[in-house]
């Protein structure tokens, strides 16, 4: 099926209009704001991952940083300005790979709930 360049451009423009835009800087700011807060994490863990250790709060924030705000792992505010070590990255990757689909969905939605 061939379409003209004008038709192709019009289709792309319509597709762009249909996509909801996300303010990633606002998401990053929200994640930074949650540093040191645990209520949201406690609620998520109670509902989705009972028995989670409180230290997993930082891992969950980093997951939101990477997967919701689409920011780089090394820039997560959890590292507090230092470069994460190989051990830090490995610990995060272990947490990341341990999340099932429901836990990931609820962790993403938790960022959009009240702080």
PDB file of N, CA and C in Angstrom:
ATOM      1  N   UNK A   1       0.847  -1.169   0.000  1.00  0.00           N
ATOM      2  CA  UNK A   1       0.000   0.000   0.000  1.00  0.00           C
ATOM      3  C   UNK A   1       0.898   1.240   0.000  1.00  0.00           C
ATOM      4  N   UNK A   2       0.732   2.058  -0.981  1.00  0.00           N
ATOM      5  CA  UNK A   2       1.508   3.281  -1.093  1.00  0.00           C
ATOM      6  C   UNK A   2       0.646   4.481  -0.707  1.00  0.00           C
ATOM      7  N   UNK A   3       1.259   5.425  -0.006  1.00  0.00           N
ATOM      8  CA  UNK A   3       0.571   6.665   0.335  1.00  0.00           C
ATOM      9  C   UNK A   3       1.474   7.816  -0.072  1.00  0.00           C
ATOM     10  N   UNK A   4       0.873   8.934  -0.294  1.00  0.00           N
ATOM     11  CA  UNK A   4       1.659  10.112  -0.668  1.00  0.00           C
ATOM     12  C   UNK A   4       2.395  10.636   0.568  1.00  0.00           C
ATOM     13  N   UNK A   5       3.396  11.439   0.319  1.00  0.00           N
ATOM     14  CA  UNK A   5       4.148  12.038   1.413  1.00  0.00           C
ATOM     15  C   UNK A   5       3.247  12.916   2.280  1.00  0.00           C
ATOM     16  N   UNK A   6       2.313  13.619   1.656  1.00  0.00           N
ATOM     17  CA  UNK A   6       1.384  14.473   2.416  1.00  0.00           C
ATOM     18  C   UNK A   6       0.483  13.637   3.321  1.00  0.00           C
ATOM     19  N   UNK A   7      -0.002  12.513   2.776  1.00  0.00           N
ATOM     20  CA  UNK A   7      -0.868  11.631   3.578  1.00  0.00           C
ATOM     21  C   UNK A   7      -0.064  11.034   4.736  1.00  0.00           C
ATOM     22  N   UNK A   8       1.155  10.607   4.461  1.00  0.00           N
ATOM     23  CA  UNK A   8       2.014  10.047   5.500  1.00  0.00           C
ATOM     24  C   UNK A   8       2.260  11.080   6.598  1.00  0.00           C
ATOM     25  N   UNK A   9       2.560  12.306   6.218  1.00  0.00           N
ATOM     26  CA  UNK A   9       2.778  13.383   7.181  1.00  0.00           C
ATOM     27  C   UNK A   9       1.524  13.628   8.010  1.00  0.00           C
ATOM     28  N   UNK A  10       0.368  13.625   7.373  1.00  0.00           N
ATOM     29  CA  UNK A  10      -0.895  13.836   8.088  1.00  0.00           C
ATOM     30  C   UNK A  10      -1.145  12.714   9.099  1.00  0.00           C
ATOM     31  N   UNK A  11      -0.836  11.480   8.720  1.00  0.00           N
ATOM     32  CA  UNK A  11      -1.026  10.348   9.636  1.00  0.00           C
ATOM     33  C   UNK A  11      -0.101  10.457  10.845  1.00  0.00           C
ATOM     34  N   UNK A  12       1.132  10.836  10.595  1.00  0.00           N
ATOM     35  CA  UNK A  12       2.080  11.001  11.695  1.00  0.00           C
ATOM     36  C   UNK A  12       1.607  12.112  12.629  1.00  0.00           C
ATOM     37  N   UNK A  13       1.157  13.220  12.073  1.00  0.00           N
ATOM     38  CA  UNK A  13       0.678  14.335  12.878  1.00  0.00           C
ATOM     39  C   UNK A  13      -0.505  13.907  13.746  1.00  0.00           C
ATOM     40  N   UNK A  14      -1.449  13.138  13.145  1.00  0.00           N
ATOM     41  CA  UNK A  14      -2.602  12.655  13.925  1.00  0.00           C
ATOM     42  C   UNK A  14      -2.157  11.720  15.047  1.00  0.00           C
ATOM     43  N   UNK A  15      -1.189  10.869  14.768  1.00  0.00           N
ATOM     44  CA  UNK A  15      -0.682   9.951  15.793  1.00  0.00           C
ATOM     45  C   UNK A  15      -0.044  10.727  16.941  1.00  0.00           C
ATOM     46  N   UNK A  16       0.704  11.759  16.609  1.00  0.00           N
ATOM     47  CA  UNK A  16       1.338  12.583  17.639  1.00  0.00           C
ATOM     48  C   UNK A  16       0.272  13.236  18.523  1.00  0.00           C
ATOM     49  N   UNK A  17      -0.810  13.677  17.922  1.00  0.00           N
ATOM     50  CA  UNK A  17      -1.876  14.322  18.687  1.00  0.00           C
ATOM     51  C   UNK A  17      -2.564  13.346  19.635  1.00  0.00           C
ATOM     52  N   UNK A  18      -2.574  12.064  19.277  1.00  0.00           N
ATOM     53  CA  UNK A  18      -3.240  11.043  20.094  1.00  0.00           C
ATOM     54  C   UNK A  18      -2.420  10.591  21.296  1.00  0.00           C
ATOM     55  N   UNK A  19      -1.129  10.870  21.290  1.00  0.00           N
ATOM     56  CA  UNK A  19      -0.254  10.413  22.354  1.00  0.00           C
ATOM     57  C   UNK A  19      -0.279  11.417  23.501  1.00  0.00           C
ATOM     58  N   UNK A  20      -0.560  10.889  24.692  1.00  0.00           N
ATOM     59  CA  UNK A  20      -0.560  11.751  25.878  1.00  0.00           C
ATOM     60  C   UNK A  20       0.883  12.084  26.247  1.00  0.00           C
ATOM     61  N   UNK A  21       1.143  13.338  26.511  1.00  0.00           N
ATOM     62  CA  UNK A  21       2.498  13.766  26.854  1.00  0.00           C
ATOM     63  C   UNK A  21       2.715  13.678  28.358  1.00  0.00           C
ATOM     64  N   UNK A  22       3.913  13.279  28.729  1.00  0.00           N
ATOM     65  CA  UNK A  22       4.273  13.135  30.133  1.00  0.00           C
ATOM     66  C   UNK A  22       5.383  14.130  30.448  1.00  0.00           C
ATOM     67  N   UNK A  23       5.273  14.806  31.564  1.00  0.00           N
ATOM     68  CA  UNK A  23       6.304  15.740  32.000  1.00  0.00           C
ATOM     69  C   UNK A  23       7.310  14.959  32.850  1.00  0.00           C
ATOM     70  N   UNK A  24       8.380  14.505  32.209  1.00  0.00           N
ATOM     71  CA  UNK A  24       9.349  13.662  32.896  1.00  0.00           C
ATOM     72  C   UNK A  24      10.108  14.420  33.977  1.00  0.00           C
ATOM     73  N   UNK A  25      10.323  15.701  33.797  1.00  0.00           N
ATOM     74  CA  UNK A  25      10.997  16.487  34.840  1.00  0.00           C
ATOM     75  C   UNK A  25      10.134  16.539  36.103  1.00  0.00           C
ATOM     76  N   UNK A  26       8.834  16.634  35.921  1.00  0.00           N
ATOM     77  CA  UNK A  26       7.931  16.641  37.079  1.00  0.00           C
ATOM     78  C   UNK A  26       7.970  15.286  37.791  1.00  0.00           C
ATOM     79  N   UNK A  27       8.043  14.211  37.017  1.00  0.00           N
ATOM     80  CA  UNK A  27       8.139  12.878  37.623  1.00  0.00           C
ATOM     81  C   UNK A  27       9.453  12.740  38.394  1.00  0.00           C
ATOM     82  N   UNK A  28      10.538  13.222  37.806  1.00  0.00           N
ATOM     83  CA  UNK A  28      11.827  13.177  38.499  1.00  0.00           C
ATOM     84  C   UNK A  28      11.754  13.960  39.808  1.00  0.00           C
ATOM     85  N   UNK A  29      11.126  15.129  39.771  1.00  0.00           N
ATOM     86  CA  UNK A  29      10.997  15.956  40.980  1.00  0.00           C
ATOM     87  C   UNK A  29      10.168  15.235  42.041  1.00  0.00           C
ATOM     88  N   UNK A  30       9.132  14.541  41.619  1.00  0.00           N
ATOM     89  CA  UNK A  30       8.289  13.808  42.565  1.00  0.00           C
ATOM     90  C   UNK A  30       9.071  12.678  43.223  1.00  0.00           C
ATOM     91  N   UNK A  31       9.904  12.005  42.433  1.00  0.00           N
ATOM     92  CA  UNK A  31      10.727  10.927  42.994  1.00  0.00           C
ATOM     93  C   UNK A  31      11.745  11.503  43.967  1.00  0.00           C
ATOM     94  N   UNK A  32      12.387  12.613  43.607  1.00  0.00           N
ATOM     95  CA  UNK A  32      13.337  13.258  44.525  1.00  0.00           C
ATOM     96  C   UNK A  32      12.645  13.648  45.837  1.00  0.00           C
ATOM     97  N   UNK A  33      11.423  14.146  45.715  1.00  0.00           N
ATOM     98  CA  UNK A  33      10.653  14.567  46.890  1.00  0.00           C
ATOM     99  C   UNK A  33      10.397  13.395  47.840  1.00  0.00           C
ATOM    100  N   UNK A  34      10.298  12.192  47.293  1.00  0.00           N
ATOM    101  CA  UNK A  34       9.993  11.017  48.110  1.00  0.00           C
ATOM    102  C   UNK A  34      11.199  10.428  48.825  1.00  0.00           C
ATOM    103  N   UNK A  35      12.384  10.964  48.565  1.00  0.00           N
ATOM    104  CA  UNK A  35      13.563  10.477  49.292  1.00  0.00           C
ATOM    105  C   UNK A  35      13.320  10.632  50.785  1.00  0.00           C
ATOM    106  N   UNK A  36      13.549   9.591  51.518  1.00  0.00           N
ATOM    107  CA  UNK A  36      13.355   9.651  52.963  1.00  0.00           C
ATOM    108  C   UNK A  36      11.926   9.428  53.420  1.00  0.00           C
ATOM    109  N   UNK A  37      10.986   9.357  52.493  1.00  0.00           N
ATOM    110  CA  UNK A  37       9.586   9.077  52.851  1.00  0.00           C
ATOM    111  C   UNK A  37       9.346   7.575  52.708  1.00  0.00           C
ATOM    112  N   UNK A  38       8.570   7.029  53.605  1.00  0.00           N
ATOM    113  CA  UNK A  38       8.346   5.590  53.518  1.00  0.00           C
ATOM    114  C   UNK A  38       6.874   5.192  53.460  1.00  0.00           C
ATOM    115  N   UNK A  39       5.966   6.107  53.724  1.00  0.00           N
ATOM    116  CA  UNK A  39       4.551   5.728  53.780  1.00  0.00           C
ATOM    117  C   UNK A  39       4.074   5.114  52.472  1.00  0.00           C
ATOM    118  N   UNK A  40       4.419   5.749  51.352  1.00  0.00           N
ATOM    119  CA  UNK A  40       3.993   5.226  50.060  1.00  0.00           C
ATOM    120  C   UNK A  40       4.564   3.823  49.822  1.00  0.00           C
ATOM    121  N   UNK A  41       5.854   3.641  50.201  1.00  0.00           N
ATOM    122  CA  UNK A  41       6.493   2.343  50.005  1.00  0.00           C
ATOM    123  C   UNK A  41       5.859   1.297  50.902  1.00  0.00           C
ATOM    124  N   UNK A  42       5.603   1.661  52.156  1.00  0.00           N
ATOM    125  CA  UNK A  42       4.986   0.716  53.091  1.00  0.00           C
ATOM    126  C   UNK A  42       3.642   0.231  52.563  1.00  0.00           C
ATOM    127  N   UNK A  43       2.860   1.155  52.004  1.00  0.00           N
ATOM    128  CA  UNK A  43       1.548   0.784  51.451  1.00  0.00           C
ATOM    129  C   UNK A  43       1.715  -0.145  50.249  1.00  0.00           C
ATOM    130  N   UNK A  44       2.638   0.209  49.346  1.00  0.00           N
ATOM    131  CA  UNK A  44       2.875  -0.636  48.174  1.00  0.00           C
ATOM    132  C   UNK A  44       3.346  -2.025  48.600  1.00  0.00           C
ATOM    133  N   UNK A  45       4.308  -2.079  49.505  1.00  0.00           N
ATOM    134  CA  UNK A  45       4.860  -3.354  49.956  1.00  0.00           C
ATOM    135  C   UNK A  45       3.788  -4.191  50.657  1.00  0.00           C
ATOM    136  N   UNK A  46       2.972  -3.569  51.479  1.00  0.00           N
ATOM    137  CA  UNK A  46       1.916  -4.292  52.192  1.00  0.00           C
ATOM    138  C   UNK A  46       0.945  -4.929  51.202  1.00  0.00           C
ATOM    139  N   UNK A  47       0.604  -4.204  50.143  1.00  0.00           N
ATOM    140  CA  UNK A  47      -0.363  -4.706  49.169  1.00  0.00           C
ATOM    141  C   UNK A  47       0.239  -5.627  48.116  1.00  0.00           C
ATOM    142  N   UNK A  48       1.480  -5.397  47.742  1.00  0.00           N
ATOM    143  CA  UNK A  48       2.046  -6.103  46.585  1.00  0.00           C
ATOM    144  C   UNK A  48       3.240  -6.993  46.893  1.00  0.00           C
ATOM    145  N   UNK A  49       3.925  -6.712  47.973  1.00  0.00           N
ATOM    146  CA  UNK A  49       5.164  -7.439  48.244  1.00  0.00           C
ATOM    147  C   UNK A  49       5.380  -7.556  49.748  1.00  0.00           C
ATOM    148  N   UNK A  50       4.487  -8.286  50.427  1.00  0.00           N
ATOM    149  CA  UNK A  50       4.607  -8.436  51.880  1.00  0.00           C
ATOM    150  C   UNK A  50       5.978  -9.005  52.259  1.00  0.00           C
ATOM    151  N   UNK A  51       6.500  -8.509  53.341  1.00  0.00           N
ATOM    152  CA  UNK A  51       7.792  -8.988  53.816  1.00  0.00           C
ATOM    153  C   UNK A  51       8.971  -8.237  53.236  1.00  0.00           C
ATOM    154  N   UNK A  52       8.705  -7.221  52.415  1.00  0.00           N
ATOM    155  CA  UNK A  52       9.809  -6.434  51.854  1.00  0.00           C
ATOM    156  C   UNK A  52      10.550  -5.716  52.975  1.00  0.00           C
ATOM    157  N   UNK A  53      11.854  -5.682  52.848  1.00  0.00           N
ATOM    158  CA  UNK A  53      12.684  -4.993  53.829  1.00  0.00           C
ATOM    159  C   UNK A  53      12.588  -3.486  53.578  1.00  0.00           C
ATOM    160  N   UNK A  54      12.547  -2.682  54.626  1.00  0.00           N
ATOM    161  CA  UNK A  54      12.464  -1.224  54.451  1.00  0.00           C
ATOM    162  C   UNK A  54      13.564  -0.639  53.563  1.00  0.00           C
ATOM    163  N   UNK A  55      14.723  -1.293  53.505  1.00  0.00           N
ATOM    164  CA  UNK A  55      15.808  -0.786  52.657  1.00  0.00           C
ATOM    165  C   UNK A  55      15.471  -0.900  51.174  1.00  0.00           C
ATOM    166  N   UNK A  56      14.443  -1.672  50.847  1.00  0.00           N
ATOM    167  CA  UNK A  56      14.016  -1.780  49.444  1.00  0.00           C
ATOM    168  C   UNK A  56      13.319  -0.516  48.959  1.00  0.00           C
ATOM    169  N   UNK A  57      13.017   0.396  49.875  1.00  0.00           N
ATOM    170  CA  UNK A  57      12.416   1.677  49.497  1.00  0.00           C
ATOM    171  C   UNK A  57      13.274   2.376  48.443  1.00  0.00           C
ATOM    172  N   UNK A  58      14.583   2.439  48.675  1.00  0.00           N
ATOM    173  CA  UNK A  58      15.486   3.081  47.711  1.00  0.00           C
ATOM    174  C   UNK A  58      15.487   2.356  46.375  1.00  0.00           C
ATOM    175  N   UNK A  59      15.382   1.034  46.416  1.00  0.00           N
ATOM    176  CA  UNK A  59      15.343   0.257  45.171  1.00  0.00           C
ATOM    177  C   UNK A  59      14.059   0.544  44.410  1.00  0.00           C
ATOM    178  N   UNK A  60      12.960   0.668  45.136  1.00  0.00           N
ATOM    179  CA  UNK A  60      11.676   0.975  44.498  1.00  0.00           C
ATOM    180  C   UNK A  60      11.701   2.375  43.890  1.00  0.00           C
ATOM    181  N   UNK A  61      12.286   3.334  44.598  1.00  0.00           N
ATOM    182  CA  UNK A  61      12.417   4.682  44.041  1.00  0.00           C
ATOM    183  C   UNK A  61      13.265   4.667  42.776  1.00  0.00           C
ATOM    184  N   UNK A  62      14.333   3.904  42.799  1.00  0.00           N
ATOM    185  CA  UNK A  62      15.190   3.810  41.617  1.00  0.00           C
ATOM    186  C   UNK A  62      14.447   3.142  40.472  1.00  0.00           C
ATOM    187  N   UNK A  63      13.627   2.147  40.775  1.00  0.00           N
ATOM    188  CA  UNK A  63      12.814   1.506  39.730  1.00  0.00           C
ATOM    189  C   UNK A  63      11.883   2.546  39.093  1.00  0.00           C
ATOM    190  N   UNK A  64      11.242   3.371  39.917  1.00  0.00           N
ATOM    191  CA  UNK A  64      10.380   4.422  39.385  1.00  0.00           C
ATOM    192  C   UNK A  64      11.189   5.412  38.553  1.00  0.00           C
ATOM    193  N   UNK A  65      12.386   5.744  39.008  1.00  0.00           N
ATOM    194  CA  UNK A  65      13.262   6.673  38.301  1.00  0.00           C
ATOM    195  C   UNK A  65      13.560   6.155  36.897  1.00  0.00           C
ATOM    196  N   UNK A  66      13.883   4.876  36.802  1.00  0.00           N
ATOM    197  CA  UNK A  66      14.270   4.274  35.525  1.00  0.00           C
ATOM    198  C   UNK A  66      13.066   3.977  34.640  1.00  0.00           C
ATOM    199  N   UNK A  67      12.012   3.392  35.216  1.00  0.00           N
ATOM    200  CA  UNK A  67      10.912   2.875  34.405  1.00  0.00           C
ATOM    201  C   UNK A  67       9.731   3.821  34.236  1.00  0.00           C
ATOM    202  N   UNK A  68       9.565   4.763  35.130  1.00  0.00           N
ATOM    203  CA  UNK A  68       8.438   5.697  35.011  1.00  0.00           C
ATOM    204  C   UNK A  68       8.929   7.050  34.497  1.00  0.00           C
ATOM    205  N   UNK A  69      10.003   7.562  35.090  1.00  0.00           N
ATOM    206  CA  UNK A  69      10.543   8.850  34.647  1.00  0.00           C
ATOM    207  C   UNK A  69      11.500   8.682  33.462  1.00  0.00           C
ATOM    208  N   UNK A  70      11.838   7.445  33.132  1.00  0.00           N
ATOM    209  CA  UNK A  70      12.726   7.135  32.001  1.00  0.00           C
ATOM    210  C   UNK A  70      14.066   7.868  32.116  1.00  0.00           C
ATOM    211  N   UNK A  71      14.576   7.915  33.334  1.00  0.00           N
ATOM    212  CA  UNK A  71      15.860   8.563  33.586  1.00  0.00           C
ATOM    213  C   UNK A  71      16.950   7.487  33.718  1.00  0.00           C
ATOM    214  N   UNK A  72      18.183   7.904  33.685  1.00  0.00           N
ATOM    215  CA  UNK A  72      19.314   6.974  33.723  1.00  0.00           C
ATOM    216  C   UNK A  72      19.547   6.459  35.139  1.00  0.00           C
ATOM    217  N   UNK A  73      19.802   5.178  35.236  1.00  0.00           N
ATOM    218  CA  UNK A  73      20.036   4.522  36.520  1.00  0.00           C
ATOM    219  C   UNK A  73      21.098   5.239  37.358  1.00  0.00           C
ATOM    220  N   UNK A  74      22.202   5.627  36.728  1.00  0.00           N
ATOM    221  CA  UNK A  74      23.298   6.252  37.471  1.00  0.00           C
ATOM    222  C   UNK A  74      22.932   7.615  38.052  1.00  0.00           C
ATOM    223  N   UNK A  75      21.852   8.219  37.572  1.00  0.00           N
ATOM    224  CA  UNK A  75      21.446   9.550  38.038  1.00  0.00           C
ATOM    225  C   UNK A  75      20.340   9.506  39.085  1.00  0.00           C
ATOM    226  N   UNK A  76      19.962   8.314  39.534  1.00  0.00           N
ATOM    227  CA  UNK A  76      18.909   8.199  40.540  1.00  0.00           C
ATOM    228  C   UNK A  76      19.268   9.015  41.772  1.00  0.00           C
ATOM    229  N   UNK A  77      18.315   9.755  42.320  1.00  0.00           N
ATOM    230  CA  UNK A  77      18.595  10.554  43.515  1.00  0.00           C
ATOM    231  C   UNK A  77      18.946   9.701  44.726  1.00  0.00           C
ATOM    232  N   UNK A  78      18.638   8.429  44.673  1.00  0.00           N
ATOM    233  CA  UNK A  78      18.947   7.509  45.766  1.00  0.00           C
ATOM    234  C   UNK A  78      20.460   7.441  46.009  1.00  0.00           C
ATOM    235  N   UNK A  79      21.248   7.635  44.962  1.00  0.00           N
ATOM    236  CA  UNK A  79      22.701   7.554  45.108  1.00  0.00           C
ATOM    237  C   UNK A  79      23.257   8.815  45.775  1.00  0.00           C
ATOM    238  N   UNK A  80      22.428   9.846  45.878  1.00  0.00           N
ATOM    239  CA  UNK A  80      22.801  11.095  46.561  1.00  0.00           C
ATOM    240  C   UNK A  80      24.099  11.704  46.019  1.00  0.00           C
ATOM    241  N   UNK A  81      24.169  11.778  44.686  1.00  0.00           N
ATOM    242  CA  UNK A  81      25.265  12.468  44.026  1.00  0.00           C
ATOM    243  C   UNK A  81      26.513  11.643  43.781  1.00  0.00           C
ATOM    244  N   UNK A  82      26.581  10.439  44.310  1.00  0.00           N
ATOM    245  CA  UNK A  82      27.762   9.611  44.067  1.00  0.00           C
ATOM    246  C   UNK A  82      27.459   8.626  42.940  1.00  0.00           C
ATOM    247  N   UNK A  83      28.480   8.118  42.327  1.00  0.00           N
ATOM    248  CA  UNK A  83      28.300   7.117  41.279  1.00  0.00           C
ATOM    249  C   UNK A  83      27.998   5.781  41.941  1.00  0.00           C
ATOM    250  N   UNK A  84      26.949   5.093  41.512  1.00  0.00           N
ATOM    251  CA  UNK A  84      26.643   3.797  42.128  1.00  0.00           C
ATOM    252  C   UNK A  84      27.750   2.783  41.838  1.00  0.00           C
ATOM    253  N   UNK A  85      28.016   1.956  42.814  1.00  0.00           N
ATOM    254  CA  UNK A  85      29.025   0.911  42.643  1.00  0.00           C
ATOM    255  C   UNK A  85      28.430  -0.246  41.855  1.00  0.00           C
ATOM    256  N   UNK A  86      29.275  -1.159  41.448  1.00  0.00           N
ATOM    257  CA  UNK A  86      28.803  -2.367  40.755  1.00  0.00           C
ATOM    258  C   UNK A  86      27.855  -3.142  41.667  1.00  0.00           C
ATOM    259  N   UNK A  87      28.153  -3.151  42.964  1.00  0.00           N
ATOM    260  CA  UNK A  87      27.287  -3.844  43.926  1.00  0.00           C
ATOM    261  C   UNK A  87      25.914  -3.160  44.009  1.00  0.00           C
ATOM    262  N   UNK A  88      25.908  -1.816  44.008  1.00  0.00           N
ATOM    263  CA  UNK A  88      24.643  -1.065  44.009  1.00  0.00           C
ATOM    264  C   UNK A  88      23.809  -1.420  42.785  1.00  0.00           C
ATOM    265  N   UNK A  89      24.446  -1.410  41.628  1.00  0.00           N
ATOM    266  CA  UNK A  89      23.735  -1.716  40.377  1.00  0.00           C
ATOM    267  C   UNK A  89      23.215  -3.152  40.381  1.00  0.00           C
ATOM    268  N   UNK A  90      24.036  -4.075  40.867  1.00  0.00           N
ATOM    269  CA  UNK A  90      23.623  -5.484  40.910  1.00  0.00           C
ATOM    270  C   UNK A  90      22.432  -5.672  41.855  1.00  0.00           C
ATOM    271  N   UNK A  91      22.472  -4.995  42.983  1.00  0.00           N
ATOM    272  CA  UNK A  91      21.360  -5.075  43.941  1.00  0.00           C
ATOM    273  C   UNK A  91      20.082  -4.524  43.312  1.00  0.00           C
ATOM    274  N   UNK A  92      20.221  -3.394  42.596  1.00  0.00           N
ATOM    275  CA  UNK A  92      19.061  -2.829  41.912  1.00  0.00           C
ATOM    276  C   UNK A  92      18.544  -3.798  40.851  1.00  0.00           C
ATOM    277  N   UNK A  93      19.415  -4.344  40.028  1.00  0.00           N
ATOM    278  CA  UNK A  93      18.994  -5.272  38.957  1.00  0.00           C
ATOM    279  C   UNK A  93      18.296  -6.494  39.537  1.00  0.00           C
ATOM    280  N   UNK A  94      18.787  -6.982  40.665  1.00  0.00           N
ATOM    281  CA  UNK A  94      18.140  -8.126  41.312  1.00  0.00           C
ATOM    282  C   UNK A  94      16.710  -7.754  41.723  1.00  0.00           C
ATOM    283  N   UNK A  95      16.561  -6.577  42.322  1.00  0.00           N
ATOM    284  CA  UNK A  95      15.222  -6.103  42.700  1.00  0.00           C
ATOM    285  C   UNK A  95      14.347  -5.956  41.452  1.00  0.00           C
ATOM    286  N   UNK A  96      14.874  -5.309  40.436  1.00  0.00           N
ATOM    287  CA  UNK A  96      14.140  -5.055  39.197  1.00  0.00           C
ATOM    288  C   UNK A  96      13.618  -6.359  38.583  1.00  0.00           C
ATOM    289  N   UNK A  97      14.476  -7.361  38.511  1.00  0.00           N
ATOM    290  CA  UNK A  97      14.094  -8.635  37.891  1.00  0.00           C
ATOM    291  C   UNK A  97      13.179  -9.471  38.779  1.00  0.00           C
ATOM    292  N   UNK A  98      13.112  -9.146  40.060  1.00  0.00           N
ATOM    293  CA  UNK A  98      12.255  -9.912  40.967  1.00  0.00           C
ATOM    294  C   UNK A  98      10.798  -9.447  40.946  1.00  0.00           C
ATOM    295  N   UNK A  99      10.532  -8.295  40.341  1.00  0.00           N
ATOM    296  CA  UNK A  99       9.170  -7.760  40.313  1.00  0.00           C
ATOM    297  C   UNK A  99       8.338  -8.456  39.251  1.00  0.00           C
ATOM    298  N   UNK A 100       7.141  -8.918  39.637  1.00  0.00           N
ATOM    299  CA  UNK A 100       6.238  -9.473  38.632  1.00  0.00           C
ATOM    300  C   UNK A 100       5.449  -8.333  37.986  1.00  0.00           C
ATOM    301  N   UNK A 101       4.619  -8.656  37.002  1.00  0.00           N
ATOM    302  CA  UNK A 101       3.891  -7.622  36.258  1.00  0.00           C
ATOM    303  C   UNK A 101       2.992  -6.783  37.158  1.00  0.00           C
ATOM    304  N   UNK A 102       2.294  -7.422  38.088  1.00  0.00           N
ATOM    305  CA  UNK A 102       1.394  -6.687  38.985  1.00  0.00           C
ATOM    306  C   UNK A 102       2.176  -5.731  39.885  1.00  0.00           C
ATOM    307  N   UNK A 103       3.289  -6.204  40.406  1.00  0.00           N
ATOM    308  CA  UNK A 103       4.108  -5.352  41.273  1.00  0.00           C
ATOM    309  C   UNK A 103       4.650  -4.155  40.502  1.00  0.00           C
ATOM    310  N   UNK A 104       5.049  -4.371  39.263  1.00  0.00           N
ATOM    311  CA  UNK A 104       5.544  -3.267  38.439  1.00  0.00           C
ATOM    312  C   UNK A 104       4.440  -2.251  38.169  1.00  0.00           C
ATOM    313  N   UNK A 105       3.261  -2.746  37.814  1.00  0.00           N
ATOM    314  CA  UNK A 105       2.138  -1.847  37.538  1.00  0.00           C
ATOM    315  C   UNK A 105       1.799  -1.021  38.772  1.00  0.00           C
ATOM    316  N   UNK A 106       1.692  -1.681  39.912  1.00  0.00           N
ATOM    317  CA  UNK A 106       1.339  -0.963  41.145  1.00  0.00           C
ATOM    318  C   UNK A 106       2.443  -0.004  41.582  1.00  0.00           C
ATOM    319  N   UNK A 107       3.691  -0.356  41.326  1.00  0.00           N
ATOM    320  CA  UNK A 107       4.797   0.538  41.668  1.00  0.00           C
ATOM    321  C   UNK A 107       4.759   1.787  40.776  1.00  0.00           C
ATOM    322  N   UNK A 108       4.429   1.598  39.510  1.00  0.00           N
ATOM    323  CA  UNK A 108       4.298   2.747  38.615  1.00  0.00           C
ATOM    324  C   UNK A 108       3.114   3.623  39.028  1.00  0.00           C
ATOM    325  N   UNK A 109       2.003   3.007  39.368  1.00  0.00           N
ATOM    326  CA  UNK A 109       0.814   3.762  39.776  1.00  0.00           C
ATOM    327  C   UNK A 109       1.034   4.478  41.112  1.00  0.00           C
ATOM    328  N   UNK A 110       1.866   3.906  41.967  1.00  0.00           N
ATOM    329  CA  UNK A 110       2.118   4.510  43.283  1.00  0.00           C
ATOM    330  C   UNK A 110       2.721   5.904  43.144  1.00  0.00           C
ATOM    331  N   UNK A 111       3.436   6.138  42.066  1.00  0.00           N
ATOM    332  CA  UNK A 111       4.036   7.459  41.865  1.00  0.00           C
ATOM    333  C   UNK A 111       2.975   8.514  41.572  1.00  0.00           C
ATOM    334  N   UNK A 112       1.856   8.087  41.024  1.00  0.00           N
ATOM    335  CA  UNK A 112       0.803   9.025  40.652  1.00  0.00           C
ATOM    336  C   UNK A 112      -0.234   9.223  41.747  1.00  0.00           C
ATOM    337  N   UNK A 113      -0.105   8.456  42.827  1.00  0.00           N
ATOM    338  CA  UNK A 113      -0.992   8.651  43.982  1.00  0.00           C
ATOM    339  C   UNK A 113      -0.434   9.771  44.844  1.00  0.00           C
ATOM    340  N   UNK A 114      -1.201  10.213  45.788  1.00  0.00           N
ATOM    341  CA  UNK A 114      -0.736  11.260  46.704  1.00  0.00           C
ATOM    342  C   UNK A 114       0.481  10.815  47.472  1.00  0.00           C
ATOM    343  N   UNK A 115       1.328  11.755  47.803  1.00  0.00           N
ATOM    344  CA  UNK A 115       2.567  11.445  48.523  1.00  0.00           C
ATOM    345  C   UNK A 115       2.279  11.208  49.972  1.00  0.00           C
TER     346      UNK A 115
END
